[in-house]
Protein backbone atom coordinates (compact mmCIF):
# COMPACT_ATOMS: atom_id res chain seq x y z
CA LEU A 1 20.50 28.19 -11.57
CA LYS A 2 16.86 27.71 -12.51
CA PHE A 3 17.84 24.77 -14.69
CA MET A 4 18.80 22.85 -11.54
CA LEU A 5 15.19 22.98 -10.30
CA ARG A 6 14.23 20.74 -13.24
CA SER A 7 16.86 18.15 -12.40
CA PRO A 8 15.32 14.80 -11.35
CA THR A 9 18.12 14.35 -8.82
CA VAL A 10 17.41 17.71 -7.18
CA ARG A 11 13.66 16.96 -7.17
CA LEU A 12 14.28 13.58 -5.58
CA PHE A 13 16.38 15.29 -2.90
CA HIS A 14 13.53 17.73 -2.25
CA GLN A 15 11.04 14.89 -1.98
CA VAL A 16 13.16 12.69 0.30
CA PHE A 17 14.04 15.50 2.69
CA ALA A 18 10.57 17.10 2.60
CA VAL A 19 11.83 20.38 1.17
CA PRO A 20 8.88 22.65 0.34
CA ASN A 21 8.03 22.95 -3.34
CA VAL A 22 10.54 25.18 -5.07
CA SER A 23 9.89 26.10 -8.67
CA ALA A 24 10.87 28.78 -11.13
CA ASN A 25 7.21 29.86 -11.30
CA ASP A 26 5.58 30.18 -7.87
CA ASP A 27 2.10 29.96 -9.40
CA HIS A 28 2.31 26.33 -10.54
CA PRO A 29 4.54 23.51 -9.35
CA GLU A 30 6.55 21.80 -12.05
CA TYR A 31 5.95 18.38 -10.51
CA VAL A 32 3.13 16.75 -8.59
CA TYR A 33 4.01 14.04 -6.10
CA LEU A 34 1.69 11.05 -6.20
CA SER A 35 1.70 8.69 -3.26
CA ASP A 36 -0.18 5.60 -2.19
CA GLY A 37 0.45 6.28 1.48
CA GLY A 38 2.22 3.94 3.81
CA LEU A 39 1.82 1.00 6.12
CA VAL A 40 -0.15 2.66 8.91
CA GLU A 41 -2.28 5.04 6.87
CA ASP A 42 -2.69 4.22 3.21
CA SER A 43 -3.97 7.50 1.78
CA GLY A 44 -0.78 9.55 2.20
CA LEU A 45 -2.67 12.35 3.97
CA ILE A 46 -0.69 12.19 7.21
CA GLU A 47 2.63 12.81 5.49
CA LEU A 48 1.20 15.71 3.47
CA LEU A 49 -0.28 17.23 6.63
CA ARG A 50 3.10 16.94 8.34
CA ARG A 51 4.65 18.82 5.42
CA HIS A 52 2.10 21.63 5.87
CA GLN A 53 0.97 21.49 2.24
CA LYS A 54 -1.42 24.30 1.35
CA ILE A 55 -3.51 22.20 -1.01
CA ILE A 56 -4.12 18.47 -0.68
CA LEU A 57 -6.26 16.55 -3.13
CA ALA A 58 -7.10 13.12 -1.77
CA THR A 59 -8.99 10.31 -3.39
CA ASP A 60 -10.21 7.26 -1.54
CA THR A 61 -10.30 4.10 -3.62
CA GLY A 62 -10.02 1.68 -0.73
CA ASP A 63 -12.27 -1.32 -0.18
CA ASP A 64 -15.24 0.45 1.41
CA PRO A 65 -18.43 -1.11 -0.02
CA ASN A 66 -20.71 0.74 2.43
CA VAL A 67 -19.08 4.12 1.67
CA GLN A 68 -18.23 4.84 5.30
CA LEU A 69 -15.06 6.76 4.34
CA LEU A 70 -12.98 4.37 6.46
CA ASP A 71 -9.58 5.48 5.13
CA LEU A 72 -10.44 9.15 5.56
CA ARG A 73 -11.73 8.57 9.08
CA ASN A 74 -8.56 6.61 9.90
CA ALA A 75 -6.35 9.45 8.62
CA ILE A 76 -8.34 12.03 10.60
CA GLN A 77 -8.04 9.93 13.76
CA ILE A 78 -4.27 9.49 13.34
CA ALA A 79 -3.74 13.20 12.65
CA THR A 80 -5.81 14.11 15.71
CA ASP A 81 -4.12 11.54 17.97
CA GLN A 82 -0.64 12.66 16.88
CA ARG A 83 -1.69 16.32 17.19
CA ILE A 84 -0.67 17.08 13.62
CA CYS A 85 -3.77 19.16 13.04
CA THR A 86 -7.45 19.44 13.87
CA PHE A 87 -10.50 19.14 11.65
CA PHE A 88 -13.69 21.14 11.96
CA ASP A 89 -16.71 22.35 10.05
CA PRO A 90 -15.61 25.61 8.34
CA GLN A 91 -19.14 27.02 8.60
CA GLU A 92 -19.34 26.23 12.33
CA PRO A 93 -15.78 25.95 13.73
CA ARG A 94 -16.98 24.74 17.15
CA ARG A 95 -18.37 21.63 15.46
CA GLY A 96 -16.00 18.71 14.90
CA ILE A 97 -15.47 16.96 11.59
CA GLU A 98 -17.38 13.86 12.74
CA TRP A 99 -20.61 15.84 12.54
CA VAL A 100 -19.80 16.77 8.94
CA LEU A 101 -18.96 13.18 7.99
CA GLN A 102 -22.24 11.89 9.44
CA ALA A 103 -24.35 14.27 7.33
């Protein structure tokens, strides 16, 4: 049945219904999902946070000439407001992420 994991139809089903990554080799996923986000939050971070992904690699290529990390700040605010997760400084957990972003 491992051959079914490589089926594009099965992978599409997994993606649409947010099924956690299932692969024949648990060390490396066979596919990487690339997203440009959505209408409210254009980085795709919120949806990945909702799916409880262990590793998220995000790039911000939005129009941000002053490098204020506007899209990242927007995603953090949405995730906090919707109580999806919290963000903090890993070296000082009592400190919020805003302090880290200001540094």
